[in-house]
Amino acid sequence: MSRPLTLFVALAILGSAPALAQTTVTGKPAPDAATSAKSGGQEAVTRPNTDKPDVNHPGSTHAASNAKLEEGANSFTEAQTQHRLGEAGYKDVTGLMKDDKGIWRGSAVLNGKPVKVGVDFKGNVAAQ
């Protein structure tokens, strides 16, 4: 075999090894495990909810007013938190303080009614 052909064959074999290793299955998934398509996969872990509260019925709105706020290291600034609350329909946001669980909490007005609000590290907004 000529040297260039030998080099080409060697590179082709080495180049295909990672692709073969990526398709190797080890073990079995749990019998009741949901697929990532059903669970939301990574999006379910990091994506904030984007629902906005129903200004006419703030107590019965979508996930934005009854979302479960999650504890975690919150990197939002106070200004970013106020902006996020404004995007969700809240006005006159006051008293924002980050608690020991990383959740910004304060007061706001929604549809003319005062409400307690919170914003978690993912940007989820909730009336409490």
N, C-alpha and C. Protein backbone atom coordinates (compact mmCIF):
# COMPACT_ATOMS: atom_id res chain seq x y z
N MET A 1 0.84 -1.17 0.00
CA MET A 1 0.00 0.00 0.00
C MET A 1 0.89 1.23 0.00
N SER A 2 0.50 2.23 -0.74
CA SER A 2 1.30 3.44 -0.78
C SER A 2 1.11 4.24 0.51
N ARG A 3 2.08 5.06 0.81
CA ARG A 3 2.07 5.83 2.06
C ARG A 3 0.85 6.75 2.15
N PRO A 4 0.50 7.54 1.12
CA PRO A 4 -0.68 8.41 1.23
C PRO A 4 -1.97 7.62 1.45
N LEU A 5 -2.10 6.49 0.80
CA LEU A 5 -3.30 5.68 0.97
C LEU A 5 -3.38 5.12 2.38
N THR A 6 -2.27 4.67 2.93
CA THR A 6 -2.22 4.15 4.29
C THR A 6 -2.60 5.25 5.28
N LEU A 7 -2.07 6.45 5.07
CA LEU A 7 -2.38 7.57 5.94
C LEU A 7 -3.87 7.91 5.86
N PHE A 8 -4.44 7.90 4.68
CA PHE A 8 -5.87 8.19 4.51
C PHE A 8 -6.73 7.16 5.24
N VAL A 9 -6.41 5.87 5.10
CA VAL A 9 -7.17 4.81 5.76
C VAL A 9 -7.06 4.95 7.28
N ALA A 10 -5.88 5.26 7.79
CA ALA A 10 -5.69 5.41 9.22
C ALA A 10 -6.51 6.59 9.76
N LEU A 11 -6.49 7.70 9.03
CA LEU A 11 -7.27 8.86 9.46
C LEU A 11 -8.77 8.59 9.39
N ALA A 12 -9.21 7.86 8.39
CA ALA A 12 -10.63 7.52 8.27
C ALA A 12 -11.08 6.65 9.44
N ILE A 13 -10.26 5.71 9.83
CA ILE A 13 -10.60 4.84 10.96
C ILE A 13 -10.62 5.64 12.26
N LEU A 14 -9.61 6.47 12.47
CA LEU A 14 -9.56 7.27 13.69
C LEU A 14 -10.70 8.30 13.73
N GLY A 15 -11.05 8.84 12.58
CA GLY A 15 -12.12 9.84 12.52
C GLY A 15 -13.49 9.26 12.79
N SER A 16 -13.69 8.00 12.51
CA SER A 16 -15.01 7.39 12.73
C SER A 16 -15.17 6.86 14.15
N ALA A 17 -14.11 6.73 14.90
CA ALA A 17 -14.19 6.18 16.25
C ALA A 17 -15.08 7.02 17.17
N PRO A 18 -14.95 8.36 17.20
CA PRO A 18 -15.83 9.13 18.08
C PRO A 18 -17.31 8.97 17.72
N ALA A 19 -17.61 8.87 16.46
CA ALA A 19 -19.01 8.70 16.06
C ALA A 19 -19.56 7.37 16.55
N LEU A 20 -18.75 6.34 16.50
CA LEU A 20 -19.18 5.04 16.99
C LEU A 20 -19.35 5.06 18.51
N ALA A 21 -18.46 5.76 19.19
CA ALA A 21 -18.53 5.82 20.65
C ALA A 21 -19.77 6.58 21.10
N GLN A 22 -20.23 7.55 20.34
CA GLN A 22 -21.39 8.34 20.73
C GLN A 22 -22.68 7.55 20.65
N THR A 23 -22.72 6.51 19.88
CA THR A 23 -23.95 5.75 19.72
C THR A 23 -24.00 4.51 20.61
N THR A 24 -23.01 4.34 21.45
CA THR A 24 -22.97 3.17 22.33
C THR A 24 -24.01 3.32 23.43
N VAL A 25 -24.81 2.29 23.64
CA VAL A 25 -25.83 2.29 24.68
C VAL A 25 -25.29 1.50 25.87
N THR A 26 -25.36 2.11 27.05
CA THR A 26 -24.94 1.41 28.26
C THR A 26 -26.11 1.39 29.23
N GLY A 27 -26.42 0.24 29.73
CA GLY A 27 -27.50 0.11 30.70
C GLY A 27 -28.86 0.27 30.06
N LYS A 28 -29.90 0.24 30.90
CA LYS A 28 -31.27 0.39 30.42
C LYS A 28 -31.90 1.57 31.13
N PRO A 29 -32.73 2.35 30.43
CA PRO A 29 -33.43 3.44 31.12
C PRO A 29 -34.46 2.87 32.08
N ALA A 30 -34.83 3.66 33.05
CA ALA A 30 -35.86 3.23 33.99
C ALA A 30 -37.14 2.94 33.23
N PRO A 31 -37.90 1.89 33.62
CA PRO A 31 -39.09 1.52 32.87
C PRO A 31 -40.16 2.61 32.82
N ASP A 32 -40.20 3.48 33.83
CA ASP A 32 -41.23 4.52 33.84
C ASP A 32 -40.66 5.89 33.47
N ALA A 33 -39.44 5.94 32.94
CA ALA A 33 -38.81 7.21 32.62
C ALA A 33 -39.49 7.87 31.42
N ALA A 34 -39.76 9.14 31.54
CA ALA A 34 -40.34 9.90 30.42
C ALA A 34 -39.22 10.30 29.48
N THR A 35 -39.54 10.39 28.21
CA THR A 35 -38.54 10.83 27.24
C THR A 35 -38.33 12.32 27.43
N SER A 36 -37.20 12.84 26.93
CA SER A 36 -36.95 14.26 27.07
C SER A 36 -37.95 15.07 26.26
N ALA A 37 -38.55 14.46 25.23
CA ALA A 37 -39.57 15.17 24.45
C ALA A 37 -40.81 15.43 25.31
N LYS A 38 -41.13 14.48 26.21
CA LYS A 38 -42.29 14.65 27.08
C LYS A 38 -41.98 15.52 28.29
N SER A 39 -40.77 15.42 28.82
CA SER A 39 -40.44 16.16 30.04
C SER A 39 -39.97 17.57 29.75
N GLY A 40 -39.66 17.89 28.50
CA GLY A 40 -39.16 19.21 28.18
C GLY A 40 -37.64 19.25 28.16
N GLY A 41 -37.01 18.14 28.57
CA GLY A 41 -35.56 18.06 28.53
C GLY A 41 -34.90 19.24 29.22
N GLN A 42 -33.85 19.76 28.64
CA GLN A 42 -33.10 20.87 29.22
C GLN A 42 -33.95 22.12 29.33
N GLU A 43 -34.89 22.32 28.41
CA GLU A 43 -35.74 23.51 28.48
C GLU A 43 -36.52 23.54 29.78
N ALA A 44 -36.94 22.39 30.27
CA ALA A 44 -37.70 22.34 31.51
C ALA A 44 -36.85 22.77 32.69
N VAL A 45 -35.54 22.63 32.57
CA VAL A 45 -34.65 22.96 33.67
C VAL A 45 -34.32 24.45 33.70
N THR A 46 -34.12 25.05 32.53
CA THR A 46 -33.60 26.41 32.52
C THR A 46 -34.53 27.46 31.96
N ARG A 47 -35.56 27.09 31.27
CA ARG A 47 -36.40 28.08 30.60
C ARG A 47 -37.40 28.70 31.57
N PRO A 48 -37.43 30.03 31.67
CA PRO A 48 -38.44 30.65 32.52
C PRO A 48 -39.80 30.58 31.85
N ASN A 49 -40.85 30.67 32.65
CA ASN A 49 -42.16 30.73 32.02
C ASN A 49 -42.31 32.09 31.37
N THR A 50 -43.07 32.14 30.32
CA THR A 50 -43.25 33.40 29.60
C THR A 50 -44.70 33.84 29.60
N ASP A 51 -45.53 33.17 30.39
CA ASP A 51 -46.93 33.57 30.50
C ASP A 51 -47.01 34.93 31.16
N LYS A 52 -48.01 35.69 30.80
CA LYS A 52 -48.25 36.97 31.43
C LYS A 52 -49.54 36.87 32.22
N PRO A 53 -49.64 37.58 33.34
CA PRO A 53 -50.86 37.48 34.13
C PRO A 53 -52.04 38.07 33.40
N ASP A 54 -53.20 37.54 33.66
CA ASP A 54 -54.45 38.06 33.12
C ASP A 54 -54.83 39.24 34.01
N VAL A 55 -54.70 40.46 33.50
CA VAL A 55 -54.92 41.63 34.34
C VAL A 55 -56.35 41.73 34.84
N ASN A 56 -57.29 41.05 34.21
CA ASN A 56 -58.68 41.09 34.65
C ASN A 56 -58.97 40.07 35.74
N HIS A 57 -58.15 39.04 35.84
CA HIS A 57 -58.34 37.99 36.85
C HIS A 57 -56.99 37.58 37.42
N PRO A 58 -56.32 38.45 38.17
CA PRO A 58 -54.96 38.13 38.62
C PRO A 58 -54.87 36.91 39.51
N GLY A 59 -55.92 36.57 40.25
CA GLY A 59 -55.86 35.42 41.13
C GLY A 59 -56.02 34.10 40.41
N SER A 60 -56.49 34.12 39.17
CA SER A 60 -56.74 32.87 38.46
C SER A 60 -55.99 32.82 37.14
N THR A 61 -54.83 33.45 37.10
CA THR A 61 -54.10 33.53 35.85
C THR A 61 -53.27 32.29 35.61
N HIS A 62 -52.53 32.37 34.53
CA HIS A 62 -51.68 31.25 34.11
C HIS A 62 -50.49 31.11 35.05
N ALA A 63 -49.46 30.45 34.59
CA ALA A 63 -48.31 30.16 35.43
C ALA A 63 -47.63 31.42 35.95
N ALA A 64 -47.80 32.56 35.30
CA ALA A 64 -47.09 33.76 35.74
C ALA A 64 -47.54 34.22 37.11
N SER A 65 -48.77 33.96 37.51
CA SER A 65 -49.18 34.42 38.83
C SER A 65 -49.19 33.30 39.85
N ASN A 66 -49.15 32.07 39.40
CA ASN A 66 -49.15 30.99 40.38
C ASN A 66 -47.97 30.05 40.17
N ALA A 67 -46.92 30.55 39.49
CA ALA A 67 -45.72 29.74 39.28
C ALA A 67 -45.06 29.47 40.62
N LYS A 68 -44.49 28.30 40.73
CA LYS A 68 -43.73 27.98 41.94
C LYS A 68 -42.34 28.57 41.74
N LEU A 69 -42.01 29.53 42.56
CA LEU A 69 -40.70 30.15 42.45
C LEU A 69 -39.65 29.19 43.01
N GLU A 70 -38.54 29.08 42.29
CA GLU A 70 -37.50 28.13 42.67
C GLU A 70 -36.33 28.84 43.33
N GLU A 71 -35.83 28.24 44.38
CA GLU A 71 -34.66 28.76 45.08
C GLU A 71 -33.42 28.57 44.22
N GLY A 72 -32.49 29.49 44.32
CA GLY A 72 -31.24 29.36 43.60
C GLY A 72 -30.50 30.68 43.54
N ALA A 73 -29.24 30.62 43.14
CA ALA A 73 -28.41 31.81 43.04
C ALA A 73 -28.98 32.71 41.96
N ASN A 74 -29.47 33.86 42.36
CA ASN A 74 -30.16 34.78 41.45
C ASN A 74 -29.20 35.89 41.04
N SER A 75 -28.95 36.00 39.73
CA SER A 75 -28.03 37.02 39.24
C SER A 75 -28.75 38.25 38.69
N PHE A 76 -30.08 38.29 38.77
CA PHE A 76 -30.81 39.46 38.30
C PHE A 76 -30.51 40.65 39.21
N THR A 77 -30.33 41.82 38.60
CA THR A 77 -30.21 43.04 39.38
C THR A 77 -31.61 43.52 39.73
N GLU A 78 -31.69 44.51 40.60
CA GLU A 78 -33.00 45.06 40.97
C GLU A 78 -33.67 45.67 39.75
N ALA A 79 -32.89 46.36 38.91
CA ALA A 79 -33.46 46.98 37.70
C ALA A 79 -33.98 45.91 36.73
N GLN A 80 -33.24 44.82 36.58
CA GLN A 80 -33.70 43.74 35.69
C GLN A 80 -34.96 43.10 36.24
N THR A 81 -35.04 42.97 37.56
CA THR A 81 -36.23 42.39 38.18
C THR A 81 -37.43 43.29 37.97
N GLN A 82 -37.25 44.60 38.14
CA GLN A 82 -38.34 45.54 37.90
C GLN A 82 -38.80 45.48 36.45
N HIS A 83 -37.86 45.38 35.54
CA HIS A 83 -38.20 45.29 34.11
C HIS A 83 -39.01 44.02 33.84
N ARG A 84 -38.57 42.92 34.41
CA ARG A 84 -39.27 41.64 34.22
C ARG A 84 -40.70 41.72 34.75
N LEU A 85 -40.88 42.33 35.92
CA LEU A 85 -42.22 42.50 36.48
C LEU A 85 -43.07 43.41 35.60
N GLY A 86 -42.47 44.46 35.07
CA GLY A 86 -43.18 45.36 34.16
C GLY A 86 -43.64 44.64 32.91
N GLU A 87 -42.78 43.78 32.36
CA GLU A 87 -43.16 43.00 31.18
C GLU A 87 -44.33 42.06 31.48
N ALA A 88 -44.43 41.63 32.74
CA ALA A 88 -45.50 40.72 33.13
C ALA A 88 -46.79 41.47 33.47
N GLY A 89 -46.77 42.80 33.39
CA GLY A 89 -47.99 43.57 33.59
C GLY A 89 -48.11 44.25 34.94
N TYR A 90 -47.10 44.11 35.80
CA TYR A 90 -47.16 44.72 37.12
C TYR A 90 -46.68 46.17 37.03
N LYS A 91 -47.29 47.03 37.83
CA LYS A 91 -46.94 48.45 37.85
C LYS A 91 -46.60 48.85 39.29
N ASP A 92 -45.99 50.00 39.43
CA ASP A 92 -45.65 50.57 40.74
C ASP A 92 -44.96 49.55 41.65
N VAL A 93 -43.91 48.94 41.14
CA VAL A 93 -43.16 47.94 41.91
C VAL A 93 -42.34 48.66 42.98
N THR A 94 -42.49 48.22 44.22
CA THR A 94 -41.75 48.83 45.33
C THR A 94 -41.23 47.75 46.27
N GLY A 95 -40.25 48.15 47.08
CA GLY A 95 -39.75 47.29 48.15
C GLY A 95 -39.07 46.02 47.71
N LEU A 96 -38.46 46.01 46.53
CA LEU A 96 -37.80 44.78 46.07
C LEU A 96 -36.58 44.47 46.93
N MET A 97 -36.56 43.26 47.44
CA MET A 97 -35.43 42.77 48.23
C MET A 97 -35.20 41.31 47.86
N LYS A 98 -33.94 40.93 47.72
CA LYS A 98 -33.62 39.53 47.44
C LYS A 98 -33.53 38.79 48.77
N ASP A 99 -34.30 37.71 48.92
CA ASP A 99 -34.28 36.98 50.18
C ASP A 99 -33.12 35.99 50.23
N ASP A 100 -32.98 35.28 51.33
CA ASP A 100 -31.87 34.35 51.51
C ASP A 100 -31.95 33.13 50.61
N LYS A 101 -33.06 32.96 49.90
CA LYS A 101 -33.22 31.84 48.96
C LYS A 101 -33.00 32.26 47.52
N GLY A 102 -32.62 33.53 47.30
CA GLY A 102 -32.34 34.02 45.96
C GLY A 102 -33.57 34.49 45.20
N ILE A 103 -34.67 34.72 45.90
CA ILE A 103 -35.91 35.16 45.24
C ILE A 103 -36.12 36.64 45.55
N TRP A 104 -36.31 37.42 44.48
CA TRP A 104 -36.64 38.83 44.65
C TRP A 104 -38.10 38.91 45.06
N ARG A 105 -38.39 39.65 46.11
CA ARG A 105 -39.76 39.82 46.59
C ARG A 105 -40.06 41.31 46.77
N GLY A 106 -41.31 41.66 46.53
CA GLY A 106 -41.71 43.05 46.70
C GLY A 106 -43.21 43.20 46.55
N SER A 107 -43.64 44.43 46.38
CA SER A 107 -45.05 44.75 46.20
C SER A 107 -45.22 45.41 44.84
N ALA A 108 -46.42 45.24 44.27
CA ALA A 108 -46.72 45.86 42.99
C ALA A 108 -48.23 46.03 42.88
N VAL A 109 -48.64 46.63 41.79
CA VAL A 109 -50.06 46.82 41.52
C VAL A 109 -50.38 46.12 40.21
N LEU A 110 -51.45 45.34 40.22
CA LEU A 110 -51.92 44.66 39.02
C LEU A 110 -53.41 44.91 38.91
N ASN A 111 -53.81 45.56 37.83
CA ASN A 111 -55.22 45.87 37.60
C ASN A 111 -55.81 46.69 38.74
N GLY A 112 -55.00 47.62 39.24
CA GLY A 112 -55.46 48.50 40.30
C GLY A 112 -55.46 47.89 41.68
N LYS A 113 -55.01 46.64 41.81
CA LYS A 113 -55.03 45.96 43.11
C LYS A 113 -53.59 45.67 43.56
N PRO A 114 -53.31 45.93 44.84
CA PRO A 114 -51.96 45.64 45.33
C PRO A 114 -51.75 44.13 45.46
N VAL A 115 -50.57 43.68 45.08
CA VAL A 115 -50.21 42.27 45.18
C VAL A 115 -48.76 42.15 45.62
N LYS A 116 -48.44 41.05 46.28
CA LYS A 116 -47.06 40.69 46.60
C LYS A 116 -46.54 39.91 45.41
N VAL A 117 -45.30 40.18 45.00
CA VAL A 117 -44.74 39.52 43.82
C VAL A 117 -43.38 38.92 44.14
N GLY A 118 -42.97 37.99 43.31
CA GLY A 118 -41.65 37.39 43.43
C GLY A 118 -41.10 37.03 42.07
N VAL A 119 -39.77 37.04 41.96
CA VAL A 119 -39.08 36.65 40.73
C VAL A 119 -37.92 35.75 41.13
N ASP A 120 -37.88 34.53 40.55
CA ASP A 120 -36.81 33.60 40.90
C ASP A 120 -35.63 33.73 39.95
N PHE A 121 -34.62 32.89 40.15
CA PHE A 121 -33.38 32.98 39.38
C PHE A 121 -33.57 32.67 37.90
N LYS A 122 -34.66 32.00 37.54
CA LYS A 122 -34.93 31.70 36.14
C LYS A 122 -35.69 32.84 35.47
N GLY A 123 -36.18 33.78 36.26
CA GLY A 123 -36.98 34.86 35.71
C GLY A 123 -38.45 34.61 35.81
N ASN A 124 -38.87 33.52 36.48
CA ASN A 124 -40.29 33.26 36.68
C ASN A 124 -40.86 34.34 37.57
N VAL A 125 -42.03 34.83 37.20
CA VAL A 125 -42.72 35.88 37.94
C VAL A 125 -43.98 35.28 38.56
N ALA A 126 -44.23 35.60 39.83
CA ALA A 126 -45.42 35.05 40.49
C ALA A 126 -46.00 36.07 41.45
N ALA A 127 -47.34 36.14 41.48
CA ALA A 127 -48.05 36.90 42.51
C ALA A 127 -48.23 35.96 43.68
N GLN A 128 -48.09 36.48 44.89
CA GLN A 128 -48.15 35.59 46.05
C GLN A 128 -49.20 36.05 47.03
